[in-house]
Amino acid sequence: MGSQRLREAICAYLRTARGVHCEPQQVMIVSGSQQALDVSARALLDEGSAAWVEEPGYWLTRHVLKAAGCKMVPVRVDEEGMDVAEGVRKCRRARAAFVAPSHQFPLGATMSASRRLQLLQWAARAGAWIIEDDYDSEYRYASRPLGALQGMDTASRVIYIGTFSRVLFPALRLGYVVVPRDLMDCFVRHRESIDLFSPLLEQLVLTEFLTEGHFGRHVRRMRALYEKRRDALVRGLREHAGGLVPHNIDAGLHIATFLPEGVDDRNVVRDAALRGLDAIALSSCYAGPRAKSGLVLGFGGTSERRIAMACRTLGEVLSAQEYPDSGRA
């Protein structure tokens, strides 16, 4: 399960900052959120089990479910988050739902209170599980970080996942899972089949970082820095890449943008890479055939000056694209 002291520190943080209901013995330390997703799928799902996934959504979640032999049910995401009613229509008896309600990837939507209640009610009625991926909720700019879905759960149907790899730095492969009490033995058995436990040295250092108050100061400092970088990206896109429309810019370390109709985002990503720019094709985040064209642009690791330069270059790349529907280039 991990270092007892770290689990106690994480528990104290989650209660205060995220409204999560948990005790230290429910916290399992893992090697990042990806391993948390893998352990959850192994513990909760059988081969052939149906699971809702956000559409569009995090492609590594799809990889985990595919490896487990599960049936993925793509459920549309709109401005209120996952459309629970659509999920019920498509597969009422799904075994689980994988969601990121605080900051959906890639569209950045925040799940509304009514949708959260619908999801919890569905899980309770269906005997299903909700795997809540809370990967970067600390970085919210328009308001205080929102409480976790798990804090609203009265039926113990939510498995809550968090990570330090995003909020501190990617090379730190440490995350955690808050496991309902009646599932703890099952999670431990599956964790033992992977790697027994995460490296202890990093856990001890992180414990000190949390308990001595450095983590809170780090988050406050980085939130201000990332907000400036977010603003630089929005400003640069407006000035140099007017064809891109930013979507949900209130949180996180990336922005999803939609491309004009007829522009192939895969071609844009390829051409941008030739100019030294790294972007994700929005269409690659869809599991179904109705993919929208756009770009997912990260800004966390780039200075404001470099962001401005990158936006100019991206504008040049977009200007060179072909627009089949309008005949212009």
Protein backbone atom coordinates (compact mmCIF):
# COMPACT_ATOMS: atom_id res chain seq x y z
CA MET A 1 0.00 0.00 0.00
CA GLY A 2 2.98 2.34 0.39
CA SER A 3 4.60 4.36 3.16
CA GLN A 4 2.23 4.84 6.08
CA ARG A 5 3.43 8.39 6.69
CA LEU A 6 2.90 9.37 3.05
CA ARG A 7 -0.56 7.84 3.06
CA GLU A 8 -1.42 9.85 6.17
CA ALA A 9 -0.12 13.06 4.56
CA ILE A 10 -2.05 12.43 1.33
CA CYS A 11 -5.21 11.65 3.28
CA ALA A 12 -4.94 14.92 5.23
CA TYR A 13 -4.39 16.85 1.98
CA LEU A 14 -7.31 15.21 0.17
CA ARG A 15 -9.73 15.85 2.99
CA THR A 16 -8.86 19.55 3.10
CA ALA A 17 -8.19 20.40 -0.55
CA ARG A 18 -10.43 17.99 -2.47
CA GLY A 19 -13.23 17.06 -0.07
CA VAL A 20 -12.37 13.36 -0.37
CA HIS A 21 -13.69 11.02 2.32
CA CYS A 22 -10.91 8.60 3.20
CA GLU A 23 -8.70 7.08 5.86
CA PRO A 24 -4.95 6.42 5.42
CA GLN A 25 -5.50 2.66 5.16
CA GLN A 26 -7.59 3.25 2.01
CA VAL A 27 -4.76 5.04 0.17
CA MET A 28 -2.58 2.93 -2.11
CA ILE A 29 0.62 4.49 -3.49
CA VAL A 30 1.25 3.66 -7.15
CA SER A 31 3.68 4.63 -9.91
CA GLY A 32 1.58 7.40 -11.42
CA SER A 33 -2.03 7.60 -12.56
CA GLN A 34 -1.44 5.21 -15.45
CA GLN A 35 -0.63 2.36 -13.06
CA ALA A 36 -3.63 3.40 -10.98
CA LEU A 37 -5.88 2.96 -14.03
CA ASP A 38 -4.30 -0.42 -14.78
CA VAL A 39 -4.72 -1.74 -11.21
CA SER A 40 -8.32 -0.50 -11.14
CA ALA A 41 -9.17 -2.24 -14.41
CA ARG A 42 -7.57 -5.49 -13.22
CA ALA A 43 -9.38 -5.39 -9.89
CA LEU A 44 -12.84 -4.34 -11.09
CA LEU A 45 -13.31 -5.71 -14.60
CA ASP A 46 -13.34 -9.11 -16.29
CA GLU A 47 -12.57 -9.85 -19.91
CA GLY A 48 -15.58 -8.75 -21.93
CA SER A 49 -16.83 -6.30 -19.28
CA ALA A 50 -18.35 -3.10 -20.67
CA ALA A 51 -16.98 0.23 -19.49
CA TRP A 52 -18.00 3.78 -20.33
CA VAL A 53 -15.18 6.03 -21.57
CA GLU A 54 -15.33 9.73 -22.33
CA GLU A 55 -15.64 10.66 -26.01
CA PRO A 56 -13.23 12.24 -26.74
CA GLY A 57 -11.04 11.07 -23.90
CA TYR A 58 -7.67 10.01 -22.57
CA TRP A 59 -6.18 7.49 -25.00
CA LEU A 60 -4.15 5.69 -22.31
CA THR A 61 -7.40 4.77 -20.57
CA ARG A 62 -8.47 3.09 -23.79
CA HIS A 63 -5.13 1.25 -23.94
CA VAL A 64 -5.67 -0.11 -20.41
CA LEU A 65 -9.17 -1.33 -21.21
CA LYS A 66 -8.09 -2.85 -24.50
CA ALA A 67 -5.29 -4.75 -22.76
CA ALA A 68 -7.82 -6.05 -20.22
CA GLY A 69 -10.08 -7.31 -23.03
CA CYS A 70 -12.93 -5.00 -22.07
CA LYS A 71 -15.67 -3.58 -24.26
CA MET A 72 -15.35 0.21 -24.48
CA VAL A 73 -18.53 2.26 -24.72
CA PRO A 74 -17.69 5.81 -25.91
CA VAL A 75 -19.99 8.35 -24.21
CA ARG A 76 -20.18 11.89 -25.56
CA VAL A 77 -18.69 14.77 -23.59
CA ASP A 78 -20.28 18.21 -23.79
CA GLU A 79 -19.98 21.41 -21.75
CA GLU A 80 -21.35 19.61 -18.66
CA GLY A 81 -19.01 16.64 -18.94
CA MET A 82 -19.93 13.04 -19.72
CA ASP A 83 -23.52 12.69 -20.98
CA VAL A 84 -24.80 10.12 -18.47
CA ALA A 85 -28.16 9.73 -20.22
CA GLU A 86 -26.36 8.73 -23.42
CA GLY A 87 -24.29 6.21 -21.50
CA VAL A 88 -27.44 4.67 -20.06
CA ARG A 89 -29.00 4.46 -23.53
CA LYS A 90 -25.91 2.83 -24.98
CA CYS A 91 -25.13 0.39 -22.16
CA ARG A 92 -27.17 0.62 -18.98
CA ARG A 93 -25.43 -2.41 -17.42
CA ALA A 94 -21.85 -1.25 -17.96
CA ARG A 95 -19.52 -2.43 -15.23
CA ALA A 96 -17.62 0.85 -14.82
CA ALA A 97 -17.28 4.45 -15.98
CA PHE A 98 -13.88 6.10 -16.40
CA VAL A 99 -14.24 9.87 -15.99
CA ALA A 100 -12.23 13.02 -15.25
CA PRO A 101 -14.99 15.23 -13.79
CA SER A 102 -12.84 18.11 -12.49
CA HIS A 103 -10.99 18.76 -15.76
CA GLN A 104 -11.84 16.47 -18.64
CA PHE A 105 -9.11 15.51 -21.09
CA PRO A 106 -8.87 16.79 -23.77
CA LEU A 107 -11.82 19.22 -23.91
CA GLY A 108 -11.33 20.64 -20.42
CA ALA A 109 -15.00 20.43 -19.40
CA THR A 110 -15.99 20.38 -15.73
CA MET A 111 -18.79 17.94 -14.93
CA SER A 112 -21.85 19.78 -13.64
CA ALA A 113 -23.42 18.99 -10.28
CA SER A 114 -26.51 17.49 -11.93
CA ARG A 115 -24.39 15.19 -14.12
CA ARG A 116 -22.36 14.11 -11.08
CA LEU A 117 -25.53 13.16 -9.25
CA GLN A 118 -26.83 11.28 -12.30
CA LEU A 119 -23.56 9.36 -12.57
CA LEU A 120 -23.54 8.43 -8.87
CA GLN A 121 -27.19 7.35 -9.00
CA TRP A 122 -26.54 5.21 -12.07
CA ALA A 123 -23.55 3.51 -10.42
CA ALA A 124 -25.54 2.77 -7.25
CA ARG A 125 -28.49 1.32 -9.20
CA ALA A 126 -26.36 -0.68 -11.64
CA GLY A 127 -23.82 -1.90 -9.08
CA ALA A 128 -21.16 -0.27 -11.26
CA TRP A 129 -17.91 1.48 -10.38
CA ILE A 130 -16.77 5.01 -11.16
CA ILE A 131 -13.04 5.51 -11.67
CA GLU A 132 -12.39 9.22 -11.07
CA ASP A 133 -9.14 10.45 -12.63
CA ASP A 134 -8.30 13.72 -10.86
CA TYR A 135 -5.03 14.33 -12.68
CA ASP A 136 -4.53 18.12 -12.46
CA SER A 137 -7.34 19.68 -10.42
CA GLU A 138 -4.87 21.82 -8.45
CA TYR A 139 -4.37 24.12 -11.43
CA ARG A 140 -7.64 26.00 -11.73
CA TYR A 141 -7.55 29.70 -12.65
CA ALA A 142 -11.11 31.02 -12.76
CA SER A 143 -12.19 29.76 -9.33
CA ARG A 144 -11.09 27.64 -6.40
CA PRO A 145 -10.43 23.96 -7.20
CA LEU A 146 -13.70 22.05 -7.23
CA GLY A 147 -14.45 19.23 -4.82
CA ALA A 148 -13.96 15.66 -5.96
CA LEU A 149 -16.83 13.50 -7.18
CA GLN A 150 -15.77 10.96 -4.56
CA GLY A 151 -16.79 13.39 -1.82
CA MET A 152 -20.40 13.21 -3.03
CA ASP A 153 -20.46 9.41 -3.09
CA THR A 154 -22.61 7.85 -0.36
CA ALA A 155 -22.61 4.31 -1.77
CA SER A 156 -18.83 3.70 -1.96
CA ARG A 157 -18.87 3.28 -5.75
CA VAL A 158 -16.01 5.72 -6.59
CA ILE A 159 -12.33 4.82 -6.94
CA TYR A 160 -10.40 8.08 -6.73
CA ILE A 161 -7.07 8.51 -8.57
CA GLY A 162 -4.55 11.33 -8.14
CA THR A 163 -0.95 11.88 -9.20
CA PHE A 164 2.10 13.92 -8.28
CA SER A 165 3.66 13.35 -11.72
CA ARG A 166 1.57 16.19 -13.18
CA VAL A 167 1.50 18.60 -10.25
CA LEU A 168 5.23 18.30 -9.45
CA PHE A 169 7.20 16.87 -12.39
CA PRO A 170 6.72 13.94 -14.81
CA ALA A 171 9.87 12.04 -13.78
CA LEU A 172 8.37 11.57 -10.30
CA ARG A 173 6.38 8.42 -10.89
CA LEU A 174 4.15 8.59 -7.82
CA GLY A 175 0.39 8.61 -7.68
CA TYR A 176 -2.29 7.22 -5.41
CA VAL A 177 -5.64 5.45 -5.39
CA VAL A 178 -8.31 5.89 -2.74
CA VAL A 179 -9.96 2.48 -2.57
CA PRO A 180 -13.35 1.69 -1.00
CA ARG A 181 -12.80 -0.45 2.10
CA ASP A 182 -14.48 -3.58 0.75
CA LEU A 183 -12.18 -3.56 -2.32
CA MET A 184 -8.87 -3.12 -0.54
CA ASP A 185 -7.89 -6.82 -0.46
CA CYS A 186 -8.72 -7.17 -4.15
CA PHE A 187 -6.61 -4.13 -5.08
CA VAL A 188 -3.68 -5.37 -2.99
CA ARG A 189 -3.73 -8.79 -4.72
CA HIS A 190 -3.60 -7.23 -8.17
CA ARG A 191 -0.95 -4.71 -7.14
CA GLU A 192 1.27 -7.53 -5.88
CA SER A 193 1.15 -9.12 -9.33
CA ILE A 194 2.67 -5.97 -10.88
CA ASP A 195 5.55 -4.62 -8.79
CA LEU A 196 4.79 -5.05 -5.05
CA PHE A 197 5.30 -1.37 -4.17
CA SER A 198 6.58 1.99 -5.45
CA PRO A 199 10.17 3.12 -4.68
CA LEU A 200 10.39 4.00 -1.00
CA LEU A 201 13.03 6.75 -1.14
CA GLU A 202 10.84 9.03 -3.29
CA GLN A 203 7.90 8.36 -0.98
CA LEU A 204 9.87 9.49 2.08
CA VAL A 205 11.09 12.67 0.39
CA LEU A 206 7.59 13.48 -0.84
CA THR A 207 6.23 12.96 2.67
CA GLU A 208 8.54 15.67 4.00
CA PHE A 209 7.63 17.93 1.08
CA LEU A 210 3.95 17.61 1.98
CA THR A 211 4.14 17.77 5.78
CA GLU A 212 6.53 20.75 5.88
CA GLY A 213 4.20 22.90 3.75
CA HIS A 214 6.36 23.02 0.62
CA PHE A 215 3.70 21.37 -1.55
CA GLY A 216 1.07 24.01 -0.84
CA ARG A 217 3.53 26.82 -1.56
CA HIS A 218 4.63 25.09 -4.77
CA VAL A 219 1.06 24.77 -6.03
CA ARG A 220 0.28 28.44 -5.31
CA ARG A 221 3.45 29.61 -7.03
CA MET A 222 3.00 27.37 -10.07
CA ARG A 223 -0.68 28.22 -10.42
CA ALA A 224 0.25 31.88 -10.89
CA LEU A 225 3.02 30.98 -13.34
CA TYR A 226 0.84 28.64 -15.38
CA GLU A 227 -1.95 31.21 -15.53
CA LYS A 228 0.47 33.65 -17.18
CA ARG A 229 1.53 30.97 -19.66
CA ARG A 230 -2.11 30.11 -20.35
CA ASP A 231 -2.83 33.78 -21.03
CA ALA A 232 0.20 34.00 -23.32
CA LEU A 233 -1.06 31.03 -25.34
CA VAL A 234 -4.61 32.39 -25.66
CA ARG A 235 -3.24 35.80 -26.65
CA GLY A 236 -0.79 34.29 -29.15
CA LEU A 237 -3.47 32.16 -30.78
CA ARG A 238 -5.76 35.18 -31.11
CA GLU A 239 -3.01 37.29 -32.69
CA HIS A 240 -1.33 34.74 -34.95
CA ALA A 241 -3.64 31.72 -35.38
CA GLY A 242 -7.11 33.17 -35.71
CA GLY A 243 -8.41 29.93 -37.21
CA LEU A 244 -8.08 28.17 -33.87
CA VAL A 245 -10.86 28.48 -31.31
CA PRO A 246 -9.72 27.76 -27.70
CA HIS A 247 -12.08 25.61 -25.68
CA ASN A 248 -12.49 25.64 -21.87
CA ILE A 249 -9.45 27.59 -20.69
CA ASP A 250 -10.25 27.80 -16.96
CA ALA A 251 -7.99 24.99 -15.72
CA GLY A 252 -5.16 22.58 -16.41
CA LEU A 253 -1.94 22.68 -18.40
CA HIS A 254 -3.34 22.33 -21.90
CA ILE A 255 -5.93 23.93 -24.15
CA ALA A 256 -8.07 22.13 -26.72
CA THR A 257 -8.73 24.07 -29.91
CA PHE A 258 -10.99 23.34 -32.86
CA LEU A 259 -9.78 23.73 -36.43
CA PRO A 260 -11.84 25.18 -39.29
CA GLU A 261 -13.99 22.63 -41.09
CA GLY A 262 -12.07 20.72 -43.72
CA VAL A 263 -8.63 20.99 -42.09
CA ASP A 264 -7.04 17.64 -41.19
CA ASP A 265 -5.51 17.98 -37.73
CA ARG A 266 -3.09 15.11 -38.42
CA ASN A 267 -1.58 17.08 -41.27
CA VAL A 268 -1.28 20.15 -39.04
CA VAL A 269 0.48 18.13 -36.33
CA ARG A 270 2.86 16.65 -38.89
CA ASP A 271 3.70 20.01 -40.43
CA ALA A 272 4.06 21.64 -37.02
CA ALA A 273 6.52 18.93 -35.94
CA LEU A 274 8.68 19.79 -38.94
CA ARG A 275 8.83 23.33 -37.55
CA GLY A 276 9.74 22.14 -34.04
CA LEU A 277 6.27 22.35 -32.50
CA ASP A 278 4.66 19.54 -30.50
CA ALA A 279 0.88 19.19 -30.54
CA ILE A 280 -1.71 16.41 -30.28
CA ALA A 281 -4.33 15.86 -32.96
CA LEU A 282 -7.72 16.18 -31.25
CA SER A 283 -9.13 13.52 -33.56
CA SER A 284 -6.74 10.96 -32.04
CA CYS A 285 -8.61 11.29 -28.72
CA TYR A 286 -11.83 9.85 -30.18
CA ALA A 287 -12.70 6.16 -29.98
CA GLY A 288 -15.63 6.37 -32.39
CA PRO A 289 -15.88 7.48 -36.03
CA ARG A 290 -17.27 10.99 -35.44
CA ALA A 291 -14.01 12.67 -34.56
CA LYS A 292 -13.66 16.44 -34.58
CA SER A 293 -10.56 18.12 -35.97
CA GLY A 294 -8.48 20.24 -33.63
CA LEU A 295 -5.27 20.56 -31.65
CA VAL A 296 -4.43 19.91 -28.01
CA LEU A 297 -1.74 22.41 -27.02
CA GLY A 298 0.27 22.17 -23.81
CA PHE A 299 1.79 25.24 -22.18
CA GLY A 300 3.09 24.09 -18.79
CA GLY A 301 6.73 23.58 -19.75
CA THR A 302 7.22 26.57 -22.04
CA SER A 303 8.09 30.19 -21.25
CA GLU A 304 5.81 33.04 -22.28
CA ARG A 305 8.37 34.26 -24.82
CA ARG A 306 8.64 30.84 -26.45
CA ILE A 307 4.86 30.47 -26.45
CA ALA A 308 4.55 33.72 -28.41
CA MET A 309 7.13 32.52 -30.94
CA ALA A 310 5.42 29.13 -31.21
CA CYS A 311 2.05 30.77 -31.91
CA ARG A 312 3.55 32.74 -34.76
CA THR A 313 5.01 29.56 -36.22
CA LEU A 314 1.74 27.71 -35.76
CA GLY A 315 -0.07 30.52 -37.56
CA GLU A 316 2.29 30.05 -40.51
CA VAL A 317 1.64 26.31 -40.50
CA LEU A 318 -2.12 26.89 -40.51
CA SER A 319 -1.89 29.42 -43.32
CA ALA A 320 -0.24 26.77 -45.49
CA GLN A 321 -3.03 24.23 -44.96
CA GLU A 322 -5.55 23.35 -47.63
CA TYR A 323 -9.25 23.93 -46.98
CA PRO A 324 -11.12 21.49 -49.24
CA ASP A 325 -14.60 22.83 -48.45
CA SER A 326 -13.81 26.43 -49.35
CA GLY A 327 -11.15 25.89 -51.97
CA ARG A 328 -8.74 28.29 -50.28
CA ALA A 329 -5.22 27.62 -48.96
